N, C-alpha and C. Protein backbone atom coordinates (compact mmCIF):
# COMPACT_ATOMS: atom_id res chain seq x y z
N MET A 1 4.30 -12.89 -13.71
CA MET A 1 4.95 -12.05 -12.73
C MET A 1 6.47 -12.21 -12.87
N SER A 2 7.20 -11.14 -12.65
CA SER A 2 8.65 -11.19 -12.80
C SER A 2 9.28 -12.01 -11.68
N ASP A 3 10.53 -12.41 -11.92
CA ASP A 3 11.27 -13.15 -10.89
C ASP A 3 11.39 -12.31 -9.62
N GLU A 4 11.62 -11.01 -9.76
CA GLU A 4 11.76 -10.14 -8.58
C GLU A 4 10.45 -10.09 -7.79
N HIS A 5 9.34 -10.04 -8.49
CA HIS A 5 8.04 -10.07 -7.80
C HIS A 5 7.86 -11.39 -7.06
N GLU A 6 8.20 -12.49 -7.73
CA GLU A 6 8.08 -13.81 -7.09
C GLU A 6 8.98 -13.90 -5.85
N ARG A 7 10.18 -13.35 -5.94
CA ARG A 7 11.09 -13.37 -4.78
C ARG A 7 10.50 -12.55 -3.63
N SER A 8 9.86 -11.43 -3.95
CA SER A 8 9.25 -10.61 -2.89
C SER A 8 8.08 -11.33 -2.24
N LEU A 9 7.31 -12.07 -3.01
CA LEU A 9 6.20 -12.84 -2.43
C LEU A 9 6.74 -13.96 -1.55
N ALA A 10 7.81 -14.60 -1.99
CA ALA A 10 8.43 -15.64 -1.16
C ALA A 10 8.98 -15.03 0.12
N TRP A 11 9.54 -13.83 0.02
CA TRP A 11 10.09 -13.12 1.19
C TRP A 11 8.99 -12.87 2.22
N ILE A 12 7.83 -12.35 1.79
CA ILE A 12 6.75 -12.06 2.76
C ILE A 12 6.18 -13.37 3.30
N ASP A 13 6.07 -14.38 2.46
CA ASP A 13 5.57 -15.68 2.93
C ASP A 13 6.45 -16.24 4.04
N GLU A 14 7.77 -16.11 3.90
CA GLU A 14 8.69 -16.60 4.93
C GLU A 14 8.48 -15.87 6.25
N ARG A 15 8.28 -14.58 6.18
CA ARG A 15 8.08 -13.81 7.41
C ARG A 15 6.74 -14.13 8.06
N ILE A 16 5.72 -14.31 7.25
CA ILE A 16 4.41 -14.68 7.80
C ILE A 16 4.50 -16.06 8.46
N ALA A 17 5.14 -17.00 7.77
CA ALA A 17 5.30 -18.35 8.34
C ALA A 17 6.11 -18.31 9.63
N GLY A 18 7.00 -17.33 9.75
CA GLY A 18 7.81 -17.17 10.96
C GLY A 18 7.05 -16.55 12.11
N GLY A 19 5.78 -16.21 11.89
CA GLY A 19 4.94 -15.71 12.97
C GLY A 19 5.13 -14.24 13.31
N HIS A 20 5.71 -13.47 12.40
CA HIS A 20 5.92 -12.04 12.66
C HIS A 20 4.58 -11.31 12.81
N ALA A 21 4.53 -10.39 13.74
CA ALA A 21 3.33 -9.58 13.97
C ALA A 21 3.16 -8.58 12.83
N PHE A 22 1.93 -8.11 12.64
CA PHE A 22 1.63 -7.22 11.51
C PHE A 22 2.51 -5.97 11.52
N ARG A 23 2.63 -5.33 12.66
CA ARG A 23 3.40 -4.08 12.69
C ARG A 23 4.85 -4.33 12.28
N GLU A 24 5.42 -5.41 12.74
CA GLU A 24 6.79 -5.77 12.36
C GLU A 24 6.85 -6.06 10.85
N LEU A 25 5.85 -6.77 10.34
CA LEU A 25 5.80 -7.04 8.90
C LEU A 25 5.70 -5.75 8.10
N ALA A 26 4.87 -4.82 8.57
CA ALA A 26 4.69 -3.55 7.87
C ALA A 26 6.01 -2.79 7.77
N ASP A 27 6.72 -2.70 8.88
CA ASP A 27 8.01 -1.99 8.88
C ASP A 27 9.00 -2.62 7.91
N ALA A 28 9.08 -3.95 7.94
CA ALA A 28 10.01 -4.65 7.05
C ALA A 28 9.55 -4.58 5.60
N ALA A 29 8.24 -4.67 5.38
CA ALA A 29 7.70 -4.70 4.01
C ALA A 29 7.97 -3.41 3.25
N VAL A 30 7.79 -2.25 3.88
CA VAL A 30 8.01 -1.00 3.15
C VAL A 30 9.48 -0.87 2.75
N ARG A 31 10.36 -1.28 3.64
CA ARG A 31 11.80 -1.23 3.31
C ARG A 31 12.13 -2.20 2.19
N HIS A 32 11.59 -3.41 2.27
CA HIS A 32 11.84 -4.42 1.25
C HIS A 32 11.32 -3.97 -0.12
N LEU A 33 10.07 -3.53 -0.17
CA LEU A 33 9.49 -3.14 -1.45
C LEU A 33 10.27 -2.02 -2.11
N ARG A 34 10.65 -1.03 -1.34
CA ARG A 34 11.39 0.09 -1.92
C ARG A 34 12.79 -0.34 -2.37
N ALA A 35 13.45 -1.17 -1.59
CA ALA A 35 14.81 -1.60 -1.93
C ALA A 35 14.84 -2.53 -3.15
N ARG A 36 13.83 -3.38 -3.29
CA ARG A 36 13.85 -4.41 -4.34
C ARG A 36 13.20 -3.97 -5.64
N HIS A 37 12.47 -2.88 -5.61
CA HIS A 37 11.74 -2.43 -6.80
C HIS A 37 12.08 -0.95 -7.02
N PRO A 38 13.11 -0.68 -7.83
CA PRO A 38 13.70 0.66 -7.93
C PRO A 38 12.74 1.77 -8.36
N HIS A 39 11.67 1.45 -9.04
CA HIS A 39 10.72 2.51 -9.43
C HIS A 39 9.70 2.81 -8.33
N TYR A 40 9.81 2.15 -7.20
CA TYR A 40 8.99 2.46 -6.03
C TYR A 40 9.79 3.47 -5.19
N ASP A 41 9.53 4.75 -5.39
CA ASP A 41 10.32 5.80 -4.74
C ASP A 41 9.93 6.03 -3.28
N TRP A 42 8.67 5.83 -2.95
CA TRP A 42 8.18 5.99 -1.58
C TRP A 42 7.12 4.92 -1.38
N VAL A 43 7.20 4.21 -0.27
CA VAL A 43 6.24 3.14 0.02
C VAL A 43 5.73 3.35 1.44
N GLY A 44 4.41 3.36 1.58
CA GLY A 44 3.81 3.50 2.90
C GLY A 44 2.72 2.47 3.12
N ILE A 45 2.50 2.15 4.38
CA ILE A 45 1.36 1.31 4.76
C ILE A 45 0.50 2.13 5.71
N TYR A 46 -0.72 2.35 5.27
CA TYR A 46 -1.73 3.04 6.07
C TYR A 46 -2.72 2.00 6.57
N MET A 47 -3.12 2.12 7.83
CA MET A 47 -4.08 1.20 8.40
C MET A 47 -5.29 1.95 8.91
N LEU A 48 -6.42 1.27 8.88
CA LEU A 48 -7.68 1.86 9.30
C LEU A 48 -7.70 2.08 10.81
N GLU A 49 -8.02 3.29 11.21
CA GLU A 49 -8.24 3.62 12.62
C GLU A 49 -9.43 4.57 12.67
N ALA A 50 -10.54 4.07 13.18
CA ALA A 50 -11.80 4.82 13.23
C ALA A 50 -12.19 5.22 11.81
N ALA A 51 -12.39 6.50 11.54
CA ALA A 51 -12.82 6.95 10.21
C ALA A 51 -11.67 7.51 9.40
N SER A 52 -10.46 7.06 9.71
CA SER A 52 -9.27 7.56 9.02
C SER A 52 -8.30 6.43 8.73
N LEU A 53 -7.37 6.74 7.85
CA LEU A 53 -6.21 5.90 7.63
C LEU A 53 -5.05 6.53 8.37
N ARG A 54 -4.28 5.74 9.07
CA ARG A 54 -3.12 6.25 9.80
C ARG A 54 -1.88 5.55 9.25
N LEU A 55 -0.84 6.35 9.02
CA LEU A 55 0.42 5.82 8.50
C LEU A 55 1.10 5.00 9.59
N TRP A 56 1.30 3.71 9.33
CA TRP A 56 1.94 2.82 10.29
C TRP A 56 3.41 2.61 9.96
N ALA A 57 3.75 2.65 8.67
CA ALA A 57 5.14 2.40 8.27
C ALA A 57 5.38 3.08 6.93
N TRP A 58 6.62 3.51 6.72
CA TRP A 58 6.97 4.11 5.43
C TRP A 58 8.47 4.00 5.20
N ASP A 59 8.84 4.06 3.92
CA ASP A 59 10.24 4.13 3.54
C ASP A 59 10.34 5.00 2.29
N GLY A 60 11.24 5.92 2.33
CA GLY A 60 11.44 6.83 1.21
C GLY A 60 12.41 7.91 1.60
N PRO A 61 12.66 8.84 0.68
CA PRO A 61 13.64 9.89 0.96
C PRO A 61 13.18 10.92 1.99
N ALA A 62 11.87 11.00 2.22
CA ALA A 62 11.35 11.99 3.18
C ALA A 62 10.03 11.51 3.75
N ALA A 63 9.71 12.04 4.92
CA ALA A 63 8.42 11.75 5.55
C ALA A 63 7.32 12.50 4.80
N THR A 64 6.10 12.02 4.90
CA THR A 64 4.95 12.71 4.33
C THR A 64 4.23 13.47 5.43
N GLU A 65 3.61 14.55 5.06
CA GLU A 65 2.77 15.28 6.02
C GLU A 65 1.44 14.58 6.22
N HIS A 66 1.10 13.66 5.32
CA HIS A 66 -0.19 12.97 5.38
C HIS A 66 -0.06 11.70 6.22
N VAL A 67 0.01 11.88 7.53
CA VAL A 67 0.09 10.73 8.43
C VAL A 67 -1.30 10.23 8.81
N GLU A 68 -2.31 11.03 8.56
CA GLU A 68 -3.70 10.63 8.77
C GLU A 68 -4.51 11.16 7.61
N ILE A 69 -5.29 10.25 6.99
CA ILE A 69 -6.10 10.61 5.83
C ILE A 69 -7.54 10.17 6.11
N PRO A 70 -8.49 11.09 6.07
CA PRO A 70 -9.89 10.69 6.27
C PRO A 70 -10.35 9.74 5.16
N LEU A 71 -11.17 8.78 5.52
CA LEU A 71 -11.74 7.88 4.52
C LEU A 71 -12.48 8.71 3.47
N GLY A 72 -12.31 8.32 2.21
CA GLY A 72 -12.96 9.02 1.12
C GLY A 72 -12.18 10.21 0.59
N ARG A 73 -11.09 10.61 1.25
CA ARG A 73 -10.32 11.79 0.82
C ARG A 73 -9.04 11.34 0.13
N GLY A 74 -8.75 11.94 -0.99
CA GLY A 74 -7.55 11.60 -1.73
C GLY A 74 -7.64 10.23 -2.37
N ILE A 75 -6.60 9.85 -3.09
CA ILE A 75 -6.56 8.55 -3.73
C ILE A 75 -6.54 7.45 -2.67
N CYS A 76 -5.78 7.65 -1.60
CA CYS A 76 -5.72 6.66 -0.53
C CYS A 76 -7.07 6.48 0.14
N GLY A 77 -7.72 7.57 0.48
CA GLY A 77 -9.03 7.49 1.13
C GLY A 77 -10.07 6.85 0.24
N TYR A 78 -9.98 7.11 -1.06
CA TYR A 78 -10.92 6.50 -2.00
C TYR A 78 -10.68 4.99 -2.09
N ALA A 79 -9.43 4.57 -2.18
CA ALA A 79 -9.12 3.14 -2.28
C ALA A 79 -9.61 2.38 -1.04
N ALA A 80 -9.43 2.97 0.13
CA ALA A 80 -9.87 2.32 1.37
C ALA A 80 -11.38 2.26 1.46
N THR A 81 -12.05 3.26 0.94
CA THR A 81 -13.52 3.29 0.98
C THR A 81 -14.12 2.32 -0.04
N SER A 82 -13.53 2.27 -1.22
CA SER A 82 -14.08 1.44 -2.30
C SER A 82 -13.57 0.01 -2.27
N GLY A 83 -12.41 -0.21 -1.66
CA GLY A 83 -11.79 -1.53 -1.69
C GLY A 83 -11.13 -1.84 -3.02
N GLU A 84 -10.94 -0.83 -3.85
CA GLU A 84 -10.39 -1.01 -5.19
C GLU A 84 -8.92 -0.59 -5.26
N THR A 85 -8.18 -1.25 -6.12
CA THR A 85 -6.83 -0.83 -6.46
C THR A 85 -6.94 0.42 -7.34
N ILE A 86 -6.13 1.42 -7.04
CA ILE A 86 -6.12 2.66 -7.82
C ILE A 86 -4.71 2.85 -8.36
N ASN A 87 -4.60 2.90 -9.69
CA ASN A 87 -3.33 3.13 -10.37
C ASN A 87 -3.46 4.43 -11.14
N VAL A 88 -2.75 5.45 -10.70
CA VAL A 88 -2.83 6.78 -11.32
C VAL A 88 -1.52 7.04 -12.08
N PRO A 89 -1.57 6.98 -13.42
CA PRO A 89 -0.35 7.16 -14.20
C PRO A 89 0.24 8.58 -14.13
N ASP A 90 -0.63 9.58 -13.91
CA ASP A 90 -0.18 10.97 -13.80
C ASP A 90 -1.01 11.66 -12.72
N VAL A 91 -0.41 11.82 -11.55
CA VAL A 91 -1.15 12.40 -10.42
C VAL A 91 -1.61 13.83 -10.71
N ASN A 92 -0.93 14.51 -11.63
CA ASN A 92 -1.33 15.88 -11.97
C ASN A 92 -2.65 15.92 -12.72
N GLN A 93 -3.12 14.76 -13.19
CA GLN A 93 -4.38 14.68 -13.92
C GLN A 93 -5.52 14.10 -13.09
N ASP A 94 -5.29 13.89 -11.80
CA ASP A 94 -6.31 13.29 -10.94
C ASP A 94 -6.62 14.25 -9.80
N ASP A 95 -7.83 14.76 -9.76
CA ASP A 95 -8.24 15.73 -8.75
C ASP A 95 -8.22 15.18 -7.33
N ARG A 96 -8.24 13.85 -7.20
CA ARG A 96 -8.24 13.25 -5.86
C ARG A 96 -6.86 13.29 -5.21
N TYR A 97 -5.82 13.51 -5.98
CA TYR A 97 -4.45 13.41 -5.47
C TYR A 97 -4.17 14.45 -4.39
N LEU A 98 -3.66 13.97 -3.24
CA LEU A 98 -3.18 14.84 -2.16
C LEU A 98 -1.67 14.89 -2.28
N GLN A 99 -1.14 16.02 -2.66
CA GLN A 99 0.30 16.11 -2.92
C GLN A 99 1.11 15.89 -1.65
N CYS A 100 2.06 14.96 -1.76
CA CYS A 100 3.01 14.71 -0.69
C CYS A 100 4.37 15.26 -1.06
N PHE A 101 4.78 14.97 -2.29
CA PHE A 101 6.11 15.33 -2.75
C PHE A 101 6.01 15.96 -4.13
N LEU A 102 6.77 17.01 -4.36
CA LEU A 102 6.73 17.70 -5.65
C LEU A 102 7.11 16.79 -6.81
N GLY A 103 8.00 15.84 -6.58
CA GLY A 103 8.48 14.98 -7.65
C GLY A 103 7.60 13.80 -7.99
N THR A 104 6.56 13.54 -7.23
CA THR A 104 5.70 12.38 -7.50
C THR A 104 4.94 12.60 -8.80
N ARG A 105 4.99 11.58 -9.66
CA ARG A 105 4.28 11.65 -10.93
C ARG A 105 3.19 10.59 -11.03
N SER A 106 3.41 9.43 -10.39
CA SER A 106 2.39 8.38 -10.44
C SER A 106 2.25 7.73 -9.07
N GLU A 107 1.08 7.11 -8.87
CA GLU A 107 0.78 6.51 -7.56
C GLU A 107 -0.01 5.23 -7.77
N LEU A 108 0.32 4.23 -6.95
CA LEU A 108 -0.40 2.96 -6.93
C LEU A 108 -0.84 2.71 -5.49
N VAL A 109 -2.13 2.52 -5.29
CA VAL A 109 -2.68 2.26 -3.96
C VAL A 109 -3.48 0.96 -4.02
N VAL A 110 -3.10 0.02 -3.15
CA VAL A 110 -3.75 -1.30 -3.14
C VAL A 110 -4.24 -1.59 -1.73
N PRO A 111 -5.54 -1.89 -1.59
CA PRO A 111 -6.08 -2.22 -0.26
C PRO A 111 -5.46 -3.49 0.32
N ILE A 112 -5.24 -3.45 1.62
CA ILE A 112 -4.90 -4.65 2.39
C ILE A 112 -6.24 -5.17 2.87
N ALA A 113 -6.67 -6.29 2.29
CA ALA A 113 -8.03 -6.75 2.51
C ALA A 113 -8.08 -8.27 2.59
N GLN A 114 -9.18 -8.73 3.10
CA GLN A 114 -9.51 -10.15 3.07
C GLN A 114 -11.02 -10.22 2.87
N GLU A 115 -11.41 -10.88 1.78
CA GLU A 115 -12.81 -10.94 1.37
C GLU A 115 -13.35 -9.52 1.25
N ASP A 116 -14.38 -9.16 2.00
CA ASP A 116 -14.97 -7.82 1.87
C ASP A 116 -14.52 -6.87 2.98
N ARG A 117 -13.47 -7.26 3.72
CA ARG A 117 -12.97 -6.44 4.82
C ARG A 117 -11.68 -5.74 4.41
N VAL A 118 -11.65 -4.42 4.53
CA VAL A 118 -10.45 -3.64 4.25
C VAL A 118 -9.84 -3.22 5.58
N PHE A 119 -8.55 -3.52 5.74
CA PHE A 119 -7.81 -3.19 6.96
C PHE A 119 -6.94 -1.95 6.78
N GLY A 120 -6.51 -1.72 5.56
CA GLY A 120 -5.60 -0.62 5.27
C GLY A 120 -5.18 -0.69 3.83
N GLU A 121 -3.96 -0.21 3.54
CA GLU A 121 -3.50 -0.22 2.15
C GLU A 121 -2.00 0.01 2.07
N VAL A 122 -1.47 -0.38 0.94
CA VAL A 122 -0.10 -0.06 0.57
C VAL A 122 -0.18 1.06 -0.45
N ASP A 123 0.58 2.12 -0.21
CA ASP A 123 0.62 3.30 -1.08
C ASP A 123 2.03 3.42 -1.63
N ILE A 124 2.15 3.45 -2.95
CA ILE A 124 3.47 3.52 -3.59
C ILE A 124 3.48 4.71 -4.54
N ASP A 125 4.52 5.54 -4.42
CA ASP A 125 4.71 6.70 -5.30
C ASP A 125 5.94 6.47 -6.17
N SER A 126 5.91 7.08 -7.36
CA SER A 126 7.07 7.05 -8.24
C SER A 126 7.27 8.44 -8.85
N ASP A 127 8.51 8.76 -9.15
CA ASP A 127 8.80 10.04 -9.79
C ASP A 127 8.70 9.94 -11.31
N ARG A 128 8.29 8.76 -11.80
CA ARG A 128 8.08 8.57 -13.24
C ARG A 128 6.60 8.49 -13.55
N ALA A 129 6.16 9.18 -14.59
CA ALA A 129 4.77 9.07 -15.05
C ALA A 129 4.56 7.66 -15.59
N GLY A 130 3.39 7.09 -15.32
CA GLY A 130 3.06 5.76 -15.82
C GLY A 130 3.99 4.67 -15.33
N ALA A 131 4.49 4.80 -14.12
CA ALA A 131 5.50 3.86 -13.60
C ALA A 131 4.94 2.47 -13.31
N PHE A 132 3.66 2.35 -13.06
CA PHE A 132 3.09 1.09 -12.60
C PHE A 132 2.23 0.46 -13.69
N ASP A 133 2.53 -0.80 -13.99
CA ASP A 133 1.76 -1.51 -15.01
C ASP A 133 0.90 -2.59 -14.36
N GLY A 134 0.24 -3.37 -15.19
CA GLY A 134 -0.62 -4.44 -14.68
C GLY A 134 0.14 -5.47 -13.87
N GLU A 135 1.40 -5.70 -14.20
CA GLU A 135 2.21 -6.64 -13.42
C GLU A 135 2.46 -6.11 -12.02
N ASP A 136 2.74 -4.80 -11.91
CA ASP A 136 2.90 -4.20 -10.58
C ASP A 136 1.61 -4.33 -9.78
N GLU A 137 0.48 -4.06 -10.43
CA GLU A 137 -0.81 -4.16 -9.74
C GLU A 137 -1.02 -5.58 -9.22
N ALA A 138 -0.84 -6.58 -10.08
CA ALA A 138 -1.06 -7.97 -9.66
C ALA A 138 -0.12 -8.37 -8.53
N PHE A 139 1.13 -7.94 -8.63
CA PHE A 139 2.10 -8.27 -7.59
C PHE A 139 1.71 -7.64 -6.25
N VAL A 140 1.42 -6.34 -6.25
CA VAL A 140 1.11 -5.66 -4.98
C VAL A 140 -0.22 -6.18 -4.42
N GLN A 141 -1.16 -6.54 -5.28
CA GLN A 141 -2.40 -7.14 -4.80
C GLN A 141 -2.12 -8.47 -4.10
N ALA A 142 -1.26 -9.30 -4.69
CA ALA A 142 -0.92 -10.58 -4.05
C ALA A 142 -0.20 -10.34 -2.72
N PHE A 143 0.68 -9.36 -2.69
CA PHE A 143 1.39 -9.00 -1.46
C PHE A 143 0.39 -8.55 -0.39
N CYS A 144 -0.56 -7.72 -0.79
CA CYS A 144 -1.56 -7.20 0.16
C CYS A 144 -2.52 -8.27 0.64
N ARG A 145 -2.84 -9.25 -0.21
CA ARG A 145 -3.69 -10.36 0.25
C ARG A 145 -3.00 -11.09 1.40
N ARG A 146 -1.71 -11.26 1.30
CA ARG A 146 -0.95 -11.93 2.37
C ARG A 146 -0.98 -11.09 3.65
N LEU A 147 -0.77 -9.78 3.50
CA LEU A 147 -0.85 -8.90 4.67
C LEU A 147 -2.26 -8.89 5.25
N GLY A 148 -3.27 -8.98 4.38
CA GLY A 148 -4.66 -9.03 4.85
C GLY A 148 -4.93 -10.24 5.71
N GLY A 149 -4.32 -11.37 5.38
CA GLY A 149 -4.48 -12.56 6.20
C GLY A 149 -3.93 -12.36 7.60
N VAL A 150 -2.79 -11.69 7.70
CA VAL A 150 -2.19 -11.42 9.01
C VAL A 150 -3.05 -10.42 9.78
N ALA A 151 -3.52 -9.38 9.09
CA ALA A 151 -4.38 -8.38 9.75
C ALA A 151 -5.65 -9.03 10.29
N ALA A 152 -6.23 -9.95 9.53
CA ALA A 152 -7.43 -10.65 9.99
C ALA A 152 -7.11 -11.53 11.19
N ARG A 153 -5.99 -12.23 11.13
CA ARG A 153 -5.59 -13.10 12.24
C ARG A 153 -5.40 -12.30 13.53
N GLU A 154 -4.84 -11.09 13.38
CA GLU A 154 -4.60 -10.25 14.56
C GLU A 154 -5.82 -9.40 14.93
N ARG A 155 -6.87 -9.54 14.16
CA ARG A 155 -8.13 -8.82 14.43
C ARG A 155 -7.92 -7.31 14.47
N LEU A 156 -7.17 -6.81 13.50
CA LEU A 156 -6.99 -5.36 13.38
C LEU A 156 -8.29 -4.73 12.92
N ALA A 157 -8.40 -3.42 13.09
CA ALA A 157 -9.62 -2.70 12.70
C ALA A 157 -9.86 -2.87 11.20
N TRP A 158 -11.13 -2.97 10.82
CA TRP A 158 -11.49 -3.12 9.42
C TRP A 158 -12.85 -2.52 9.17
N ARG A 159 -13.15 -2.37 7.88
CA ARG A 159 -14.47 -1.92 7.46
C ARG A 159 -14.90 -2.78 6.30
N VAL A 160 -16.19 -2.98 6.16
CA VAL A 160 -16.75 -3.77 5.07
C VAL A 160 -16.94 -2.88 3.85
N VAL A 161 -16.53 -3.37 2.69
CA VAL A 161 -16.80 -2.70 1.43
C VAL A 161 -17.67 -3.62 0.58
N THR A 162 -18.52 -3.03 -0.19
CA THR A 162 -19.40 -3.83 -1.05
C THR A 162 -19.29 -3.41 -2.48
């Protein structure tokens, strides 16, 4: 993992150790991720609410119209339903993609989970095709595991994936 990734993990660990609530962490995390990782053009955190994902926090040049996404719909809905990380190098080649921004070329969606419970996800867009590599995946997965621990501690809504 890069030094910048390690610094971001240390950053979230400090906030978690400081007892910050999930919603506060979510707001700070999207700003941090976008500011520290220049190829992350838009970063959002969606959380499970009933049979949908609801946008809790975001940072980017513009708001998305997709503030609520049904489970199973789009790349985000699929990731939350399956519990899998989804890395789409070219969103124009994936039928699941729900267009938010004309300039988006690639998307990385990582579940916020603990064991078999999914609480939500981090959604990252880039205006570059193939912007996210295996190192980005591993980093965001580690980041989301930490958020998953806080979500579990606060007993946020979750669903079991198998």
